[in-house]
N, C-alpha and C. Protein backbone atom coordinates (compact mmCIF):
# COMPACT_ATOMS: atom_id res chain seq x y z
N MET A 1 -40.86 6.40 -19.36
CA MET A 1 -39.59 6.98 -18.95
C MET A 1 -38.82 7.38 -20.21
N ASN A 2 -38.27 8.58 -20.20
CA ASN A 2 -37.55 9.06 -21.37
C ASN A 2 -36.11 8.52 -21.36
N THR A 3 -35.38 8.84 -22.40
CA THR A 3 -34.02 8.33 -22.56
C THR A 3 -33.09 8.80 -21.45
N ALA A 4 -33.21 10.05 -21.06
CA ALA A 4 -32.35 10.58 -19.99
C ALA A 4 -32.63 9.85 -18.68
N GLY A 5 -33.89 9.56 -18.40
CA GLY A 5 -34.25 8.84 -17.18
C GLY A 5 -33.69 7.43 -17.18
N LYS A 6 -33.75 6.77 -18.34
CA LYS A 6 -33.19 5.41 -18.45
C LYS A 6 -31.68 5.42 -18.25
N ALA A 7 -31.02 6.41 -18.82
CA ALA A 7 -29.57 6.50 -18.67
C ALA A 7 -29.19 6.76 -17.22
N LEU A 8 -29.95 7.61 -16.55
CA LEU A 8 -29.70 7.89 -15.14
C LEU A 8 -29.93 6.65 -14.28
N LEU A 9 -30.98 5.90 -14.59
CA LEU A 9 -31.26 4.67 -13.86
C LEU A 9 -30.14 3.65 -14.06
N ALA A 10 -29.67 3.51 -15.31
CA ALA A 10 -28.59 2.57 -15.59
C ALA A 10 -27.31 2.96 -14.87
N ALA A 11 -27.01 4.25 -14.83
CA ALA A 11 -25.81 4.71 -14.12
C ALA A 11 -25.94 4.44 -12.62
N GLY A 12 -27.12 4.64 -12.07
CA GLY A 12 -27.34 4.36 -10.64
C GLY A 12 -27.18 2.89 -10.32
N VAL A 13 -27.71 2.02 -11.18
CA VAL A 13 -27.57 0.57 -10.96
C VAL A 13 -26.11 0.15 -11.05
N ALA A 14 -25.39 0.69 -12.03
CA ALA A 14 -23.97 0.34 -12.17
C ALA A 14 -23.18 0.79 -10.95
N THR A 15 -23.48 1.97 -10.44
CA THR A 15 -22.81 2.45 -9.24
C THR A 15 -23.12 1.58 -8.03
N ALA A 16 -24.37 1.19 -7.88
CA ALA A 16 -24.76 0.34 -6.75
C ALA A 16 -24.06 -1.00 -6.82
N VAL A 17 -23.96 -1.58 -8.00
CA VAL A 17 -23.28 -2.88 -8.16
C VAL A 17 -21.81 -2.74 -7.78
N THR A 18 -21.17 -1.66 -8.19
CA THR A 18 -19.76 -1.45 -7.85
C THR A 18 -19.57 -1.31 -6.35
N VAL A 19 -20.44 -0.56 -5.69
CA VAL A 19 -20.34 -0.38 -4.24
C VAL A 19 -20.52 -1.70 -3.52
N VAL A 20 -21.49 -2.49 -3.93
CA VAL A 20 -21.74 -3.79 -3.29
C VAL A 20 -20.55 -4.71 -3.46
N ARG A 21 -19.96 -4.74 -4.64
CA ARG A 21 -18.79 -5.60 -4.88
C ARG A 21 -17.61 -5.19 -4.01
N ARG A 22 -17.40 -3.89 -3.86
CA ARG A 22 -16.28 -3.43 -3.02
C ARG A 22 -16.51 -3.76 -1.56
N ARG A 23 -17.74 -3.67 -1.11
CA ARG A 23 -18.02 -3.96 0.31
C ARG A 23 -17.93 -5.44 0.61
N ARG A 24 -18.19 -6.27 -0.36
CA ARG A 24 -18.11 -7.72 -0.15
C ARG A 24 -16.68 -8.19 0.02
N ARG A 25 -15.75 -7.49 -0.64
CA ARG A 25 -14.34 -7.86 -0.51
C ARG A 25 -13.85 -7.58 0.89
N ALA A 26 -13.08 -8.49 1.43
CA ALA A 26 -12.48 -8.26 2.75
C ALA A 26 -11.44 -7.17 2.62
N PRO A 27 -11.24 -6.33 3.67
CA PRO A 27 -10.27 -5.25 3.57
C PRO A 27 -8.84 -5.74 3.43
N ASP A 28 -8.55 -6.98 3.79
CA ASP A 28 -7.19 -7.49 3.72
C ASP A 28 -6.94 -8.33 2.48
N ASP A 29 -7.86 -8.31 1.52
CA ASP A 29 -7.64 -9.03 0.28
C ASP A 29 -6.64 -8.28 -0.56
N GLN A 30 -5.39 -8.62 -0.42
CA GLN A 30 -4.34 -7.98 -1.18
C GLN A 30 -3.55 -9.06 -1.88
N PRO A 31 -3.18 -8.81 -3.11
CA PRO A 31 -2.38 -9.81 -3.80
C PRO A 31 -1.02 -9.95 -3.13
N ASP A 32 -0.43 -11.13 -3.26
CA ASP A 32 0.90 -11.35 -2.68
C ASP A 32 1.89 -10.37 -3.29
N GLY A 33 2.82 -9.94 -2.48
CA GLY A 33 3.84 -9.03 -2.96
C GLY A 33 3.49 -7.56 -2.82
N ARG A 34 2.38 -7.24 -2.19
CA ARG A 34 2.00 -5.84 -2.03
C ARG A 34 2.60 -5.29 -0.74
N TRP A 35 3.33 -4.20 -0.87
CA TRP A 35 3.98 -3.56 0.26
C TRP A 35 3.07 -2.52 0.88
N LEU A 36 3.11 -2.42 2.19
CA LEU A 36 2.44 -1.35 2.93
C LEU A 36 3.53 -0.37 3.32
N VAL A 37 3.30 0.92 3.07
CA VAL A 37 4.37 1.91 3.23
C VAL A 37 3.88 3.11 4.03
N VAL A 38 4.71 3.58 4.96
CA VAL A 38 4.49 4.85 5.65
C VAL A 38 5.79 5.65 5.56
N THR A 39 5.64 6.96 5.54
CA THR A 39 6.80 7.85 5.55
C THR A 39 6.91 8.49 6.92
N VAL A 40 8.09 8.37 7.51
CA VAL A 40 8.35 8.89 8.85
C VAL A 40 9.27 10.09 8.72
N ASN A 41 8.98 11.14 9.43
CA ASN A 41 9.76 12.37 9.37
C ASN A 41 10.96 12.30 10.30
N ARG A 42 11.83 11.33 10.04
CA ARG A 42 13.09 11.17 10.78
C ARG A 42 14.12 10.57 9.84
N ALA A 43 15.37 10.72 10.19
CA ALA A 43 16.46 10.18 9.37
C ALA A 43 16.46 8.65 9.44
N PRO A 44 16.88 8.00 8.35
CA PRO A 44 16.91 6.53 8.35
C PRO A 44 17.74 5.92 9.48
N ALA A 45 18.85 6.56 9.83
CA ALA A 45 19.70 6.04 10.92
C ALA A 45 18.95 6.09 12.25
N ASP A 46 18.18 7.17 12.48
CA ASP A 46 17.40 7.29 13.71
C ASP A 46 16.32 6.22 13.78
N VAL A 47 15.67 5.99 12.64
CA VAL A 47 14.60 4.98 12.61
C VAL A 47 15.18 3.60 12.86
N GLN A 48 16.30 3.29 12.21
CA GLN A 48 16.93 1.98 12.39
C GLN A 48 17.35 1.76 13.84
N ALA A 49 17.86 2.82 14.49
CA ALA A 49 18.34 2.69 15.86
C ALA A 49 17.21 2.57 16.88
N SER A 50 16.06 3.16 16.59
CA SER A 50 14.97 3.16 17.58
C SER A 50 13.68 2.61 16.99
N LEU A 51 13.77 1.46 16.36
CA LEU A 51 12.58 0.82 15.77
C LEU A 51 11.62 0.41 16.88
N PRO A 52 10.36 0.85 16.82
CA PRO A 52 9.40 0.57 17.90
C PRO A 52 9.07 -0.92 18.03
N GLU A 53 8.62 -1.26 19.20
CA GLU A 53 8.25 -2.65 19.52
C GLU A 53 7.11 -3.15 18.64
N ASP A 54 6.25 -2.24 18.18
CA ASP A 54 5.14 -2.65 17.31
C ASP A 54 5.63 -3.35 16.05
N LEU A 55 6.79 -2.96 15.55
CA LEU A 55 7.33 -3.61 14.36
C LEU A 55 8.30 -4.73 14.69
N THR A 56 9.07 -4.59 15.75
CA THR A 56 10.07 -5.62 16.05
C THR A 56 9.43 -6.94 16.46
N ARG A 57 8.22 -6.91 17.00
CA ARG A 57 7.60 -8.18 17.38
C ARG A 57 7.11 -8.97 16.17
N TRP A 58 7.00 -8.33 15.00
CA TRP A 58 6.56 -9.00 13.78
C TRP A 58 7.74 -9.44 12.91
N LYS A 59 8.98 -9.33 13.42
CA LYS A 59 10.16 -9.51 12.57
C LYS A 59 10.21 -10.86 11.85
N ASP A 60 9.62 -11.91 12.43
CA ASP A 60 9.65 -13.22 11.77
C ASP A 60 8.52 -13.39 10.75
N GLU A 61 7.49 -12.56 10.83
CA GLU A 61 6.33 -12.73 9.97
C GLU A 61 6.15 -11.59 8.97
N VAL A 62 7.06 -10.63 8.99
CA VAL A 62 6.94 -9.47 8.11
C VAL A 62 8.31 -9.18 7.51
N GLU A 63 8.32 -8.90 6.22
CA GLU A 63 9.54 -8.44 5.58
C GLU A 63 9.54 -6.92 5.70
N LEU A 64 10.57 -6.35 6.30
CA LEU A 64 10.63 -4.92 6.59
C LEU A 64 11.83 -4.30 5.89
N ARG A 65 11.58 -3.18 5.21
CA ARG A 65 12.66 -2.43 4.57
C ARG A 65 12.61 -0.98 5.05
N ILE A 66 13.78 -0.45 5.38
CA ILE A 66 13.91 0.93 5.81
C ILE A 66 14.78 1.64 4.78
N THR A 67 14.17 2.61 4.06
CA THR A 67 14.88 3.31 3.00
C THR A 67 14.66 4.82 3.13
N PRO A 68 15.61 5.61 2.64
CA PRO A 68 15.39 7.06 2.65
C PRO A 68 14.24 7.42 1.71
N ALA A 69 13.39 8.33 2.13
CA ALA A 69 12.29 8.80 1.29
C ALA A 69 12.85 9.73 0.22
N SER A 70 12.16 9.84 -0.87
CA SER A 70 12.63 10.68 -1.96
C SER A 70 12.63 12.15 -1.54
N GLY A 71 13.60 12.89 -2.04
CA GLY A 71 13.68 14.32 -1.78
C GLY A 71 14.02 14.68 -0.35
N ASP A 72 14.74 13.84 0.36
CA ASP A 72 15.10 14.09 1.76
C ASP A 72 13.87 14.41 2.61
N LYS A 73 12.83 13.65 2.45
CA LYS A 73 11.58 13.86 3.18
C LYS A 73 11.44 12.91 4.36
N GLY A 74 12.53 12.29 4.81
CA GLY A 74 12.46 11.39 5.94
C GLY A 74 12.82 9.97 5.54
N THR A 75 12.07 9.03 6.09
CA THR A 75 12.34 7.61 5.90
C THR A 75 11.07 6.88 5.51
N GLU A 76 11.20 5.94 4.59
CA GLU A 76 10.07 5.08 4.24
C GLU A 76 10.23 3.76 4.96
N LEU A 77 9.17 3.38 5.67
CA LEU A 77 9.10 2.04 6.26
C LEU A 77 8.20 1.22 5.37
N ARG A 78 8.73 0.15 4.80
CA ARG A 78 7.96 -0.73 3.94
C ARG A 78 7.83 -2.08 4.63
N ALA A 79 6.61 -2.59 4.68
CA ALA A 79 6.38 -3.88 5.32
C ALA A 79 5.48 -4.73 4.42
N LYS A 80 5.81 -6.02 4.37
CA LYS A 80 5.01 -6.95 3.59
C LYS A 80 4.82 -8.21 4.43
N PRO A 81 3.57 -8.62 4.68
CA PRO A 81 3.34 -9.84 5.45
C PRO A 81 3.82 -11.05 4.65
N VAL A 82 4.63 -11.90 5.29
CA VAL A 82 5.10 -13.11 4.63
C VAL A 82 4.66 -14.36 5.38
N GLY A 83 4.28 -14.24 6.63
CA GLY A 83 3.81 -15.38 7.40
C GLY A 83 2.30 -15.40 7.43
N GLY A 84 1.75 -15.83 8.52
CA GLY A 84 0.30 -15.88 8.68
C GLY A 84 -0.30 -14.57 9.15
N THR A 85 0.48 -13.52 9.16
CA THR A 85 0.02 -12.23 9.63
C THR A 85 -0.88 -11.58 8.59
N SER A 86 -1.95 -10.96 9.05
CA SER A 86 -2.85 -10.28 8.12
C SER A 86 -2.29 -8.90 7.79
N ALA A 87 -2.65 -8.41 6.63
CA ALA A 87 -2.21 -7.08 6.21
C ALA A 87 -2.79 -6.01 7.14
N HIS A 88 -3.95 -6.26 7.69
CA HIS A 88 -4.57 -5.31 8.62
C HIS A 88 -3.69 -5.12 9.86
N ASP A 89 -3.19 -6.22 10.42
CA ASP A 89 -2.32 -6.12 11.60
C ASP A 89 -1.02 -5.38 11.28
N VAL A 90 -0.46 -5.66 10.10
CA VAL A 90 0.77 -4.98 9.70
C VAL A 90 0.51 -3.49 9.49
N ARG A 91 -0.63 -3.15 8.89
CA ARG A 91 -0.98 -1.74 8.67
C ARG A 91 -1.09 -1.01 10.00
N LEU A 92 -1.74 -1.63 10.98
CA LEU A 92 -1.85 -1.02 12.31
C LEU A 92 -0.49 -0.84 12.96
N ALA A 93 0.37 -1.83 12.83
CA ALA A 93 1.72 -1.74 13.40
C ALA A 93 2.51 -0.61 12.75
N LEU A 94 2.38 -0.44 11.45
CA LEU A 94 3.08 0.65 10.77
C LEU A 94 2.56 2.01 11.23
N ARG A 95 1.26 2.14 11.37
CA ARG A 95 0.69 3.41 11.82
C ARG A 95 1.15 3.74 13.23
N ARG A 96 1.16 2.74 14.11
CA ARG A 96 1.62 2.97 15.48
C ARG A 96 3.11 3.31 15.51
N ALA A 97 3.90 2.61 14.70
CA ALA A 97 5.33 2.87 14.66
C ALA A 97 5.61 4.29 14.17
N LYS A 98 4.89 4.73 13.15
CA LYS A 98 5.06 6.11 12.67
C LYS A 98 4.74 7.11 13.77
N SER A 99 3.66 6.86 14.49
CA SER A 99 3.26 7.76 15.57
C SER A 99 4.31 7.80 16.67
N VAL A 100 4.83 6.64 17.05
CA VAL A 100 5.83 6.58 18.12
C VAL A 100 7.13 7.25 17.68
N LEU A 101 7.54 7.03 16.43
CA LEU A 101 8.79 7.61 15.96
C LEU A 101 8.70 9.13 15.82
N GLU A 102 7.55 9.65 15.45
CA GLU A 102 7.42 11.09 15.23
C GLU A 102 6.98 11.85 16.48
N ALA A 103 6.10 11.25 17.29
CA ALA A 103 5.55 11.98 18.44
C ALA A 103 5.98 11.41 19.78
N GLY A 104 6.60 10.25 19.79
CA GLY A 104 7.03 9.65 21.04
C GLY A 104 5.98 8.79 21.70
N GLU A 105 4.77 8.79 21.17
CA GLU A 105 3.67 7.98 21.71
C GLU A 105 2.65 7.74 20.61
N VAL A 106 1.76 6.80 20.84
CA VAL A 106 0.68 6.56 19.90
C VAL A 106 -0.37 7.64 20.13
N VAL A 107 -0.55 8.47 19.14
CA VAL A 107 -1.47 9.60 19.25
C VAL A 107 -2.89 9.10 19.03
N ARG A 108 -3.75 9.43 19.97
CA ARG A 108 -5.17 9.06 19.89
C ARG A 108 -5.98 10.26 19.42
N PRO A 109 -6.97 10.03 18.58
CA PRO A 109 -7.79 11.17 18.14
C PRO A 109 -8.67 11.68 19.27
N ASP A 110 -8.96 12.98 19.23
CA ASP A 110 -9.90 13.56 20.18
C ASP A 110 -11.28 13.00 19.91
N THR A 111 -12.13 13.06 20.90
CA THR A 111 -13.50 12.61 20.68
C THR A 111 -14.21 13.62 19.80
N ALA A 112 -15.02 13.12 18.92
CA ALA A 112 -15.73 13.99 17.99
C ALA A 112 -16.89 14.67 18.70
N PRO A 113 -17.19 15.88 18.30
CA PRO A 113 -18.37 16.53 18.88
C PRO A 113 -19.63 15.79 18.46
N THR A 114 -20.58 15.76 19.34
CA THR A 114 -21.82 15.06 19.01
C THR A 114 -22.86 16.04 18.53
N HIS A 115 -23.69 15.57 17.68
CA HIS A 115 -24.78 16.37 17.13
C HIS A 115 -25.98 15.45 17.05
N PRO A 116 -27.15 15.88 17.46
CA PRO A 116 -28.30 14.99 17.52
C PRO A 116 -28.87 14.60 16.16
N GLY A 117 -28.51 15.30 15.11
CA GLY A 117 -29.12 15.05 13.80
C GLY A 117 -28.48 13.89 13.06
N PRO A 118 -28.94 13.64 11.85
CA PRO A 118 -28.42 12.53 11.05
C PRO A 118 -26.94 12.67 10.71
N MET A 119 -26.47 13.90 10.49
CA MET A 119 -25.05 14.07 10.19
C MET A 119 -24.19 13.76 11.41
N GLY A 120 -24.72 14.00 12.61
CA GLY A 120 -24.00 13.63 13.82
C GLY A 120 -23.82 12.13 13.93
N LYS A 121 -24.84 11.38 13.54
CA LYS A 121 -24.75 9.92 13.57
C LYS A 121 -23.72 9.42 12.55
N VAL A 122 -23.68 10.04 11.38
CA VAL A 122 -22.69 9.67 10.37
C VAL A 122 -21.29 9.97 10.88
N LEU A 123 -21.11 11.12 11.50
CA LEU A 123 -19.80 11.49 12.06
C LEU A 123 -19.36 10.50 13.14
N GLN A 124 -20.28 10.10 14.01
CA GLN A 124 -19.95 9.12 15.04
C GLN A 124 -19.56 7.78 14.43
N LEU A 125 -20.26 7.35 13.38
CA LEU A 125 -19.94 6.09 12.72
C LEU A 125 -18.54 6.12 12.11
N VAL A 126 -18.22 7.20 11.42
CA VAL A 126 -16.93 7.31 10.77
C VAL A 126 -15.80 7.37 11.79
N THR A 127 -15.95 8.18 12.84
CA THR A 127 -14.88 8.31 13.82
C THR A 127 -14.73 7.04 14.65
N SER A 128 -15.80 6.33 14.92
CA SER A 128 -15.65 5.08 15.68
C SER A 128 -14.95 4.03 14.83
N ARG A 129 -15.20 4.03 13.54
CA ARG A 129 -14.51 3.09 12.65
C ARG A 129 -13.03 3.40 12.60
N ALA A 130 -12.68 4.69 12.50
CA ALA A 130 -11.28 5.07 12.45
C ALA A 130 -10.57 4.78 13.77
N ALA A 131 -11.24 4.98 14.89
CA ALA A 131 -10.62 4.71 16.19
C ALA A 131 -10.41 3.22 16.40
N GLY A 132 -11.19 2.38 15.75
CA GLY A 132 -11.05 0.94 15.87
C GLY A 132 -9.96 0.37 14.98
N GLY A 133 -9.20 1.21 14.31
CA GLY A 133 -8.11 0.73 13.48
C GLY A 133 -8.44 0.68 12.01
N GLY A 134 -9.64 1.08 11.64
CA GLY A 134 -10.00 1.10 10.23
C GLY A 134 -9.43 2.31 9.53
N ARG A 135 -9.64 2.36 8.25
CA ARG A 135 -9.17 3.50 7.48
C ARG A 135 -10.35 4.37 7.12
N LEU A 136 -10.12 5.65 7.05
CA LEU A 136 -11.16 6.58 6.61
C LEU A 136 -11.20 6.63 5.12
């Protein structure tokens, strides 16, 4: 094997090790003090007055801040789990709250078109993960 082949092999091994390490970590492994943030396209007063039930039920287990977004771009909802609540649950609540505040309901994605080939299977895997509350 020549030098270029060895370098390519080493780069591939390093990439594989990085991917494996990231997949082993749980998705909710976040250091304490990390805020989850969404920007809502509504005025802060409107958001404060009509805070969705998805967030109000977590009021004892989540620290919530409502601030104007920079450049008059709406409102930032910041949430940080402080009780036994997982960051995943808080992330889902923020996404639902954003949807309810902007569209009036939790918007569900359309079903993806199916394709019999390998790319169709990949598309189904990705969309089913996203529909289950995961991130793309």
